[in-house]
N, C-alpha and C. Protein backbone atom coordinates (compact mmCIF):
# COMPACT_ATOMS: atom_id res chain seq x y z
N MET A 1 -104.10 -68.54 55.25
CA MET A 1 -103.73 -67.39 55.83
C MET A 1 -104.20 -67.06 57.15
N GLY A 2 -103.28 -66.33 57.96
CA GLY A 2 -103.54 -66.33 59.62
C GLY A 2 -104.57 -65.14 59.73
N LYS A 3 -105.04 -65.19 61.02
CA LYS A 3 -106.17 -64.08 61.38
C LYS A 3 -105.54 -62.69 60.94
N THR A 4 -104.37 -62.33 61.15
CA THR A 4 -103.88 -61.09 60.97
C THR A 4 -103.45 -60.82 59.59
N THR A 5 -103.26 -61.79 58.80
CA THR A 5 -102.79 -61.51 57.40
C THR A 5 -103.98 -61.21 56.32
N LEU A 6 -104.91 -61.99 56.61
CA LEU A 6 -106.14 -61.69 55.88
C LEU A 6 -106.70 -60.42 55.87
N PRO A 7 -106.88 -59.73 56.98
CA PRO A 7 -107.39 -58.36 57.05
C PRO A 7 -106.45 -57.35 56.20
N LEU A 8 -105.18 -57.49 56.59
CA LEU A 8 -104.21 -56.76 56.06
C LEU A 8 -104.00 -56.93 54.42
N VAL A 9 -104.11 -58.09 53.95
CA VAL A 9 -104.01 -58.34 52.49
C VAL A 9 -105.51 -57.75 51.94
N SER A 10 -106.33 -57.66 52.69
CA SER A 10 -107.89 -57.21 51.97
C SER A 10 -107.55 -55.53 51.95
N ILE A 11 -106.91 -54.99 53.01
CA ILE A 11 -106.85 -53.57 53.23
C ILE A 11 -105.99 -53.15 52.07
N VAL A 12 -104.86 -53.92 51.88
CA VAL A 12 -103.88 -53.62 50.75
C VAL A 12 -104.51 -53.60 49.36
N GLY A 13 -105.39 -54.62 49.10
CA GLY A 13 -106.05 -54.85 48.01
C GLY A 13 -106.95 -53.78 47.81
N ILE A 14 -107.82 -53.43 48.56
CA ILE A 14 -108.82 -52.31 48.57
C ILE A 14 -107.97 -50.95 48.21
N GLY A 15 -106.81 -50.87 48.83
CA GLY A 15 -106.09 -49.53 48.77
C GLY A 15 -105.54 -49.46 47.21
N ILE A 16 -105.00 -50.75 46.64
CA ILE A 16 -104.59 -50.68 45.25
C ILE A 16 -105.76 -50.41 44.29
N LEU A 17 -106.94 -50.83 44.70
CA LEU A 17 -108.21 -50.66 43.92
C LEU A 17 -108.42 -49.16 43.76
N TYR A 18 -108.49 -48.86 45.04
CA TYR A 18 -108.75 -47.42 45.19
C TYR A 18 -107.61 -46.48 44.36
N VAL A 19 -106.43 -46.62 44.36
CA VAL A 19 -105.56 -45.91 43.69
C VAL A 19 -105.75 -46.08 42.17
N ALA A 20 -105.94 -47.34 41.86
CA ALA A 20 -106.21 -47.43 40.30
C ALA A 20 -107.66 -46.79 39.91
N LEU A 21 -108.54 -46.59 40.77
CA LEU A 21 -109.79 -46.09 40.36
C LEU A 21 -109.54 -44.51 40.29
N MET A 22 -108.76 -44.03 41.16
CA MET A 22 -108.55 -42.33 41.32
C MET A 22 -107.59 -41.97 40.35
N THR A 23 -106.86 -42.81 39.62
CA THR A 23 -105.98 -42.36 38.42
C THR A 23 -106.90 -42.14 37.12
N MET A 24 -107.99 -42.65 37.17
CA MET A 24 -108.91 -42.66 35.97
C MET A 24 -109.91 -41.62 36.10
N VAL A 25 -110.06 -40.94 37.51
CA VAL A 25 -111.19 -39.86 37.78
C VAL A 25 -110.67 -38.65 37.21
N ASP A 26 -111.60 -37.92 36.59
CA ASP A 26 -111.31 -36.33 36.39
C ASP A 26 -111.54 -35.43 37.66
N HIS A 27 -110.74 -35.03 38.46
CA HIS A 27 -110.84 -34.51 39.66
C HIS A 27 -111.37 -33.23 39.52
N LYS A 28 -111.29 -32.61 38.32
CA LYS A 28 -111.89 -30.93 37.94
C LYS A 28 -113.20 -31.14 37.53
N SER A 29 -113.99 -32.15 37.27
CA SER A 29 -115.23 -32.26 36.88
C SER A 29 -116.25 -32.08 38.07
N LEU A 30 -115.90 -32.44 39.07
CA LEU A 30 -117.01 -32.47 40.34
C LEU A 30 -116.41 -31.45 41.20
N PRO A 31 -117.25 -31.00 42.23
CA PRO A 31 -116.61 -30.12 43.51
C PRO A 31 -116.00 -31.00 44.41
N PHE A 32 -114.82 -31.42 43.88
CA PHE A 32 -114.12 -32.45 44.91
C PHE A 32 -113.70 -32.06 46.08
N HIS A 33 -113.46 -30.63 46.29
CA HIS A 33 -112.96 -30.00 47.52
C HIS A 33 -114.12 -30.46 48.70
N ILE A 34 -115.26 -30.18 48.23
CA ILE A 34 -116.40 -30.33 49.10
C ILE A 34 -116.77 -31.79 49.51
N ILE A 35 -116.48 -32.81 48.34
CA ILE A 35 -116.65 -34.05 48.67
C ILE A 35 -115.63 -34.49 49.45
N ILE A 36 -114.30 -34.11 49.32
CA ILE A 36 -113.05 -34.53 50.18
C ILE A 36 -113.26 -34.14 51.64
N VAL A 37 -113.74 -32.93 51.81
CA VAL A 37 -113.82 -32.25 53.19
C VAL A 37 -114.99 -32.93 53.88
N THR A 38 -116.07 -33.36 53.24
CA THR A 38 -117.09 -33.98 53.99
C THR A 38 -116.66 -35.55 54.22
N ALA A 39 -116.11 -36.27 53.28
CA ALA A 39 -115.68 -37.48 53.52
C ALA A 39 -114.50 -37.61 54.57
N ALA A 40 -113.65 -36.80 54.59
CA ALA A 40 -112.62 -36.57 55.52
C ALA A 40 -113.18 -36.37 57.04
N LEU A 41 -114.06 -35.54 57.03
CA LEU A 41 -114.83 -35.37 58.44
C LEU A 41 -115.55 -36.74 58.88
N GLY A 42 -116.30 -37.23 57.93
CA GLY A 42 -116.99 -38.42 58.21
C GLY A 42 -115.93 -39.64 58.66
N LYS A 43 -114.92 -39.73 57.97
CA LYS A 43 -114.10 -40.73 58.28
C LYS A 43 -113.37 -40.30 59.47
N THR A 44 -113.11 -39.33 60.07
CA THR A 44 -112.26 -39.11 61.07
C THR A 44 -113.49 -39.33 62.35
N ILE A 45 -114.59 -39.23 62.21
CA ILE A 45 -115.60 -39.45 63.10
C ILE A 45 -115.74 -40.85 63.38
N VAL A 46 -115.79 -41.50 62.14
CA VAL A 46 -115.98 -43.20 62.18
C VAL A 46 -114.73 -43.67 62.94
N ILE A 47 -113.51 -43.20 62.66
CA ILE A 47 -112.36 -43.88 63.26
C ILE A 47 -112.19 -43.54 64.86
N THR A 48 -112.57 -42.21 64.96
CA THR A 48 -112.61 -42.07 66.29
C THR A 48 -113.52 -42.83 67.27
N MET A 49 -114.64 -42.92 66.78
CA MET A 49 -115.93 -43.67 67.48
C MET A 49 -115.48 -45.09 67.51
N THR A 50 -114.98 -45.59 66.30
CA THR A 50 -114.56 -46.95 66.24
C THR A 50 -113.42 -47.48 67.23
N THR A 51 -112.54 -46.54 67.28
CA THR A 51 -111.58 -46.57 68.24
C THR A 51 -111.86 -46.72 69.76
N LEU A 52 -112.58 -45.52 69.90
CA LEU A 52 -113.23 -45.72 71.35
C LEU A 52 -113.84 -47.02 71.73
N LYS A 53 -114.75 -47.29 70.99
CA LYS A 53 -115.69 -48.56 71.31
C LYS A 53 -114.99 -49.89 71.24
N ARG A 54 -114.42 -50.01 69.90
CA ARG A 54 -113.80 -51.54 69.70
C ARG A 54 -112.27 -51.59 70.60
N LEU A 55 -111.47 -50.76 70.40
CA LEU A 55 -110.38 -50.94 71.30
C LEU A 55 -110.45 -50.85 72.79
N SER A 56 -111.44 -50.21 73.21
CA SER A 56 -111.70 -50.24 74.60
C SER A 56 -112.01 -51.52 75.09
N LYS A 57 -112.92 -52.21 74.32
CA LYS A 57 -113.23 -53.75 74.67
C LYS A 57 -112.14 -54.63 74.42
N LEU A 58 -111.21 -54.49 73.33
CA LEU A 58 -110.14 -55.16 73.08
C LEU A 58 -108.86 -55.13 74.09
N ILE A 59 -108.80 -53.89 74.62
CA ILE A 59 -107.80 -53.67 75.60
C ILE A 59 -108.13 -54.40 76.94
N LYS A 60 -109.30 -54.56 77.25
CA LYS A 60 -109.87 -55.08 78.51
C LYS A 60 -109.74 -56.67 78.50
N ILE A 61 -109.93 -57.33 77.28
CA ILE A 61 -109.88 -58.63 77.17
C ILE A 61 -108.74 -59.33 76.40
N CYS A 62 -107.83 -58.45 75.82
CA CYS A 62 -106.60 -58.95 74.98
C CYS A 62 -105.65 -59.11 75.93
N HIS A 63 -105.13 -60.57 75.51
CA HIS A 63 -103.68 -60.91 76.43
C HIS A 63 -102.49 -60.91 75.60
N SER A 64 -102.59 -60.48 74.28
CA SER A 64 -101.69 -60.42 73.52
C SER A 64 -100.97 -59.06 73.09
N LEU A 65 -100.11 -58.64 73.41
CA LEU A 65 -99.30 -57.36 73.09
C LEU A 65 -99.15 -57.55 71.50
N GLU A 66 -98.72 -58.26 70.90
CA GLU A 66 -98.58 -58.41 69.41
C GLU A 66 -99.91 -58.13 68.75
N ARG A 67 -101.07 -58.72 69.01
CA ARG A 67 -102.35 -58.31 68.56
C ARG A 67 -102.60 -56.88 68.66
N LEU A 68 -102.49 -56.30 69.97
CA LEU A 68 -102.74 -54.72 70.33
C LEU A 68 -101.81 -53.91 69.24
N LEU A 69 -100.76 -54.33 69.17
CA LEU A 69 -99.71 -53.50 68.21
C LEU A 69 -100.15 -53.68 66.85
N TRP A 70 -100.83 -54.87 66.31
CA TRP A 70 -101.20 -54.79 64.91
C TRP A 70 -102.36 -53.81 64.87
N VAL A 71 -103.38 -53.90 65.70
CA VAL A 71 -104.53 -53.29 65.64
C VAL A 71 -104.23 -51.82 65.52
N PHE A 72 -103.28 -51.29 66.41
CA PHE A 72 -103.14 -49.84 66.58
C PHE A 72 -102.35 -49.46 65.25
N GLY A 73 -101.34 -50.37 64.68
CA GLY A 73 -100.55 -50.09 63.56
C GLY A 73 -101.57 -50.08 62.43
N LEU A 74 -102.65 -50.93 62.39
CA LEU A 74 -103.18 -50.98 61.23
C LEU A 74 -104.24 -49.60 61.08
N ILE A 75 -104.60 -49.17 62.20
CA ILE A 75 -105.52 -48.04 62.46
C ILE A 75 -104.56 -46.72 61.87
N ILE A 76 -103.34 -46.78 62.31
CA ILE A 76 -102.29 -45.59 61.97
C ILE A 76 -102.30 -45.60 60.66
N ILE A 77 -102.00 -46.83 59.82
CA ILE A 77 -101.49 -46.85 58.52
C ILE A 77 -102.87 -46.50 57.62
N ILE A 78 -103.93 -47.05 58.13
CA ILE A 78 -105.29 -46.73 57.41
C ILE A 78 -105.58 -45.16 57.43
N SER A 79 -105.38 -44.70 58.58
CA SER A 79 -105.39 -43.19 58.66
C SER A 79 -104.51 -42.35 57.69
N ILE A 80 -103.28 -42.71 57.87
CA ILE A 80 -102.26 -41.93 57.07
C ILE A 80 -102.52 -42.00 55.60
N PHE A 81 -102.65 -43.49 55.17
CA PHE A 81 -102.99 -43.75 53.77
C PHE A 81 -104.53 -42.75 53.20
N SER A 82 -105.22 -42.78 54.12
CA SER A 82 -106.60 -42.22 53.66
C SER A 82 -106.45 -40.86 53.55
N PHE A 83 -105.77 -40.26 54.60
CA PHE A 83 -105.45 -38.92 54.46
C PHE A 83 -104.79 -38.34 53.07
N ALA A 84 -103.46 -39.25 52.87
CA ALA A 84 -102.85 -39.06 51.90
C ALA A 84 -103.61 -38.93 50.69
N THR A 85 -104.56 -39.86 50.50
CA THR A 85 -105.54 -39.78 49.27
C THR A 85 -106.33 -38.71 49.14
N ASP A 86 -106.81 -38.19 50.45
CA ASP A 86 -107.50 -36.91 50.40
C ASP A 86 -106.72 -35.66 50.00
N TYR A 87 -105.48 -35.61 50.56
CA TYR A 87 -104.71 -34.65 49.94
C TYR A 87 -104.26 -34.72 48.43
N THR A 88 -104.06 -35.84 48.14
CA THR A 88 -104.02 -36.19 46.59
C THR A 88 -105.06 -35.61 45.83
N CYS A 89 -106.36 -36.07 46.19
CA CYS A 89 -107.49 -35.70 45.52
C CYS A 89 -107.67 -34.33 45.52
N LEU A 90 -107.53 -33.45 46.48
CA LEU A 90 -107.50 -31.95 46.55
C LEU A 90 -106.62 -31.34 45.82
N TYR A 91 -105.53 -31.86 45.72
CA TYR A 91 -104.36 -31.32 45.03
C TYR A 91 -104.84 -31.62 43.40
N GLN A 92 -105.33 -32.62 43.12
CA GLN A 92 -105.45 -33.00 41.66
C GLN A 92 -106.74 -31.90 41.32
N PHE A 93 -107.62 -31.65 42.31
CA PHE A 93 -108.56 -30.93 41.96
C PHE A 93 -108.11 -29.33 41.77
N ASP A 94 -107.27 -28.80 42.70
CA ASP A 94 -106.82 -27.55 42.62
C ASP A 94 -105.36 -27.59 43.09
N GLN A 95 -104.37 -27.17 42.16
CA GLN A 95 -102.97 -27.42 42.59
C GLN A 95 -102.59 -26.41 43.50
N MET A 96 -103.32 -25.39 43.67
CA MET A 96 -103.04 -24.25 44.63
C MET A 96 -103.41 -24.53 45.94
N ALA A 97 -103.83 -25.73 46.15
CA ALA A 97 -104.34 -26.04 47.75
C ALA A 97 -103.09 -26.42 48.32
N PHE A 98 -102.14 -26.80 47.80
CA PHE A 98 -100.82 -27.11 48.75
C PHE A 98 -99.71 -26.30 47.91
N GLU A 99 -98.77 -25.87 48.83
CA GLU A 99 -97.63 -25.19 48.38
C GLU A 99 -96.51 -26.11 48.72
N GLY A 100 -95.33 -26.09 47.86
CA GLY A 100 -94.15 -26.78 48.20
C GLY A 100 -94.12 -28.06 47.28
N MET A 101 -95.00 -28.38 46.48
CA MET A 101 -94.85 -29.68 45.42
C MET A 101 -93.87 -29.40 44.36
N SER A 102 -92.80 -29.95 44.46
CA SER A 102 -91.60 -29.35 43.41
C SER A 102 -91.96 -29.69 42.20
N VAL A 103 -92.80 -30.52 41.64
CA VAL A 103 -93.07 -30.84 40.16
C VAL A 103 -94.67 -30.90 40.29
N HIS A 104 -95.32 -30.01 39.36
CA HIS A 104 -96.77 -30.14 39.17
C HIS A 104 -97.05 -31.34 38.10
N SER A 105 -97.48 -32.37 38.64
CA SER A 105 -97.75 -33.60 37.82
C SER A 105 -99.17 -33.96 37.85
N ASN A 106 -99.61 -34.39 36.88
CA ASN A 106 -101.10 -34.72 36.89
C ASN A 106 -101.10 -36.36 37.25
N SER A 107 -100.09 -36.95 37.43
CA SER A 107 -100.12 -38.23 37.80
C SER A 107 -100.47 -38.36 39.26
N TYR A 108 -101.47 -39.32 39.17
CA TYR A 108 -102.04 -39.56 40.60
C TYR A 108 -101.13 -40.33 41.39
N VAL A 109 -100.45 -41.38 41.10
CA VAL A 109 -99.67 -42.18 41.82
C VAL A 109 -98.24 -41.30 42.23
N TYR A 110 -97.86 -40.43 41.31
CA TYR A 110 -96.62 -39.56 41.71
C TYR A 110 -97.09 -38.80 42.86
N ASN A 111 -98.30 -37.92 42.70
CA ASN A 111 -98.66 -36.93 43.58
C ASN A 111 -99.07 -37.91 45.06
N LEU A 112 -99.53 -39.04 44.98
CA LEU A 112 -99.95 -39.86 46.15
C LEU A 112 -98.77 -40.21 47.04
N PHE A 113 -97.72 -40.57 46.29
CA PHE A 113 -96.29 -40.82 47.03
C PHE A 113 -95.83 -39.48 47.74
N HIS A 114 -96.09 -38.19 47.21
CA HIS A 114 -95.63 -37.09 47.91
C HIS A 114 -96.52 -36.94 49.02
N PHE A 115 -97.83 -36.96 49.02
CA PHE A 115 -98.72 -36.66 50.03
C PHE A 115 -98.64 -37.79 50.75
N PHE A 116 -98.39 -39.01 50.64
CA PHE A 116 -98.02 -40.10 51.71
C PHE A 116 -97.08 -39.68 52.70
N TYR A 117 -96.04 -39.18 51.99
CA TYR A 117 -94.93 -38.44 52.76
C TYR A 117 -95.45 -37.29 53.74
N PHE A 118 -96.30 -36.55 53.04
CA PHE A 118 -96.83 -35.29 54.05
C PHE A 118 -97.68 -35.76 55.04
N SER A 119 -98.61 -36.81 54.97
CA SER A 119 -99.33 -37.40 55.61
C SER A 119 -98.62 -37.96 56.94
N VAL A 120 -97.49 -38.60 56.58
CA VAL A 120 -96.76 -39.37 57.70
C VAL A 120 -96.14 -38.05 58.82
N ILE A 121 -95.44 -37.17 57.84
CA ILE A 121 -95.13 -36.01 58.53
C ILE A 121 -96.09 -35.39 59.51
N THR A 122 -97.22 -35.09 58.94
CA THR A 122 -98.41 -34.32 59.54
C THR A 122 -98.92 -35.22 60.66
N PHE A 123 -98.91 -36.66 60.51
CA PHE A 123 -99.29 -37.57 61.68
C PHE A 123 -98.42 -37.49 62.88
N SER A 124 -97.38 -37.71 62.47
CA SER A 124 -96.08 -37.59 63.66
C SER A 124 -96.04 -36.39 64.23
N THR A 125 -96.68 -35.36 63.86
CA THR A 125 -96.48 -33.90 64.20
C THR A 125 -95.15 -33.37 64.02
N VAL A 126 -94.39 -33.93 63.00
CA VAL A 126 -92.96 -33.54 62.89
C VAL A 126 -93.02 -31.96 62.02
N GLY A 127 -93.91 -31.99 61.13
CA GLY A 127 -94.04 -30.90 60.21
C GLY A 127 -92.86 -30.01 59.65
N TYR A 128 -92.35 -30.50 58.79
CA TYR A 128 -91.13 -29.92 58.37
C TYR A 128 -91.33 -28.74 57.49
N GLY A 129 -92.76 -28.53 56.97
CA GLY A 129 -93.03 -27.12 56.38
C GLY A 129 -92.62 -27.25 54.85
N ASP A 130 -92.10 -28.33 54.15
CA ASP A 130 -91.76 -28.30 52.83
C ASP A 130 -92.91 -28.37 52.08
N ILE A 131 -94.03 -29.06 52.45
CA ILE A 131 -95.40 -29.13 51.65
C ILE A 131 -96.28 -28.42 52.85
N ALA A 132 -97.12 -27.37 52.44
CA ALA A 132 -98.06 -26.92 53.30
C ALA A 132 -99.37 -26.72 52.68
N PRO A 133 -100.47 -26.69 53.39
CA PRO A 133 -101.61 -26.37 53.04
C PRO A 133 -101.96 -24.89 52.67
N ILE A 134 -102.61 -24.37 51.69
CA ILE A 134 -102.78 -23.24 51.38
C ILE A 134 -104.44 -22.97 51.42
N SER A 135 -105.16 -23.72 50.75
CA SER A 135 -106.59 -23.56 50.62
C SER A 135 -107.35 -23.92 51.83
N GLU A 136 -108.46 -23.28 52.12
CA GLU A 136 -109.12 -23.53 53.42
C GLU A 136 -109.54 -25.14 53.46
N ALA A 137 -109.95 -25.63 52.57
CA ALA A 137 -110.30 -27.07 52.34
C ALA A 137 -109.15 -28.06 52.78
N ALA A 138 -107.75 -27.69 52.29
CA ALA A 138 -106.92 -28.39 52.52
C ALA A 138 -106.35 -28.26 54.24
N ARG A 139 -106.48 -27.14 54.52
CA ARG A 139 -106.15 -26.80 56.02
C ARG A 139 -107.14 -27.38 56.97
N PHE A 140 -108.31 -27.51 56.51
CA PHE A 140 -109.28 -28.24 57.32
C PHE A 140 -109.14 -29.75 57.49
N VAL A 141 -108.69 -30.36 56.24
CA VAL A 141 -108.32 -31.73 56.33
C VAL A 141 -107.23 -32.06 57.01
N VAL A 142 -106.01 -31.20 56.89
CA VAL A 142 -104.90 -31.31 57.84
C VAL A 142 -105.28 -31.21 59.48
N MET A 143 -106.09 -30.31 59.63
CA MET A 143 -106.51 -30.21 61.11
C MET A 143 -107.21 -31.62 61.43
N LEU A 144 -108.07 -32.18 60.64
CA LEU A 144 -108.77 -33.48 60.90
C LEU A 144 -107.48 -34.33 61.07
N GLU A 145 -106.47 -34.42 60.52
CA GLU A 145 -105.63 -35.60 60.65
C GLU A 145 -104.84 -35.39 61.84
N ILE A 146 -104.54 -34.04 62.21
CA ILE A 146 -103.80 -33.56 63.35
C ILE A 146 -104.60 -34.25 64.66
N PHE A 147 -105.99 -33.83 64.48
CA PHE A 147 -106.72 -34.15 65.78
C PHE A 147 -106.90 -35.66 65.71
N LEU A 148 -106.95 -36.40 64.48
CA LEU A 148 -106.84 -37.85 64.75
C LEU A 148 -105.65 -38.53 65.33
N SER A 149 -104.38 -38.08 64.72
CA SER A 149 -103.36 -38.49 65.48
C SER A 149 -103.05 -38.11 66.73
N PHE A 150 -103.39 -37.04 67.36
CA PHE A 150 -103.44 -36.56 68.90
C PHE A 150 -104.44 -37.61 69.62
N PHE A 151 -105.55 -38.05 69.15
CA PHE A 151 -106.57 -38.52 69.70
C PHE A 151 -105.89 -40.12 69.78
N LEU A 152 -105.35 -40.73 68.85
CA LEU A 152 -104.94 -42.07 68.78
C LEU A 152 -103.85 -42.38 69.81
N VAL A 153 -102.76 -41.22 69.82
CA VAL A 153 -101.73 -41.35 70.71
C VAL A 153 -102.08 -41.18 72.15
N VAL A 154 -102.99 -40.23 72.38
CA VAL A 154 -103.54 -39.99 73.84
C VAL A 154 -104.38 -41.35 74.19
N PHE A 155 -105.07 -41.80 73.37
CA PHE A 155 -105.97 -42.97 73.59
C PHE A 155 -105.26 -44.27 74.11
N ALA A 156 -104.03 -44.23 73.45
CA ALA A 156 -103.10 -45.50 73.64
C ALA A 156 -102.51 -45.07 74.90
N PHE A 157 -102.15 -44.02 75.25
CA PHE A 157 -101.06 -43.74 76.45
C PHE A 157 -102.27 -44.08 77.64
N ALA A 158 -103.36 -43.43 77.30
CA ALA A 158 -104.39 -43.19 78.47
C ALA A 158 -104.83 -44.98 78.79
N ASN A 159 -104.92 -45.61 77.95
CA ASN A 159 -105.23 -47.04 78.20
C ASN A 159 -104.12 -48.30 78.43
N ILE A 160 -102.90 -47.76 78.51
CA ILE A 160 -101.66 -48.62 78.54
C ILE A 160 -101.83 -49.46 80.06
N LYS A 161 -102.12 -48.81 81.08
CA LYS A 161 -102.43 -49.58 82.24
C LYS A 161 -103.45 -50.75 82.29
N LYS A 162 -104.39 -50.43 81.36
CA LYS A 162 -105.50 -51.53 81.29
C LYS A 162 -105.29 -52.65 80.47
N ILE A 163 -104.15 -52.74 79.74
CA ILE A 163 -103.58 -54.00 79.02
C ILE A 163 -103.33 -55.16 80.08
N HIS A 164 -103.85 -56.16 79.82
CA HIS A 164 -103.80 -57.34 80.82
C HIS A 164 -103.10 -58.37 79.94
N LEU A 165 -101.68 -58.63 79.89
CA LEU A 165 -100.78 -59.56 79.44
C LEU A 165 -100.66 -61.00 79.95
N ASN A 166 -100.68 -62.10 79.11
CA ASN A 166 -100.28 -63.36 79.78
C ASN A 166 -99.11 -63.89 79.22
N GLU A 167 -98.26 -63.09 78.67
CA GLU A 167 -97.08 -63.36 78.06
C GLU A 167 -95.90 -63.91 79.10
C-alpha cells in the first residue's frame, strides 16, 4: 500500500469499528449529552491546533498539490464524520434534540446516514433547515462544527500563497 492509502484504510477501519460499537451502546444509560458536548469541544480544539501546527509546516515544505489536497480532504472527511457521530449519539440519547427527522428509528446506522447528510450540509454552510438542532447540547455541537468549517476554509485560503509547487 502507498503512503496515502494506509492512513485512509486505517481511518475507514476505525470508523467502521466505531459505528459497530455505537450500535451496541445503550445511549440512554449514561449522561451522553454531557459526554458528547465535552468530547466535541475537545475534538474541535485538537483538530484546530493540529491543523495550525502541522499544516503550516506542511504547506511551507510540501511540493505536491495532490498531497496537500489529500490532507485537507482527510481532515474535512474526519470532521464531518465525527460530527455526524456526535449528532447521532445525541439523537439516540434524546430524540427531541433534533427536529425534522422523518422517521424515529433506534437504528444507529440509519440515523448516522441522516446525520452524515446533516453534517455535510452544516459543514458546507448550506443549511437547508430540514433537520434542525433543538436542544442546547445539539446547538452547541452544531456551533462547534460551523466554527471548525470556517476555520479550515479560512486557514486554507490564508495559506494558499505559501504553497510552493514544483510540478
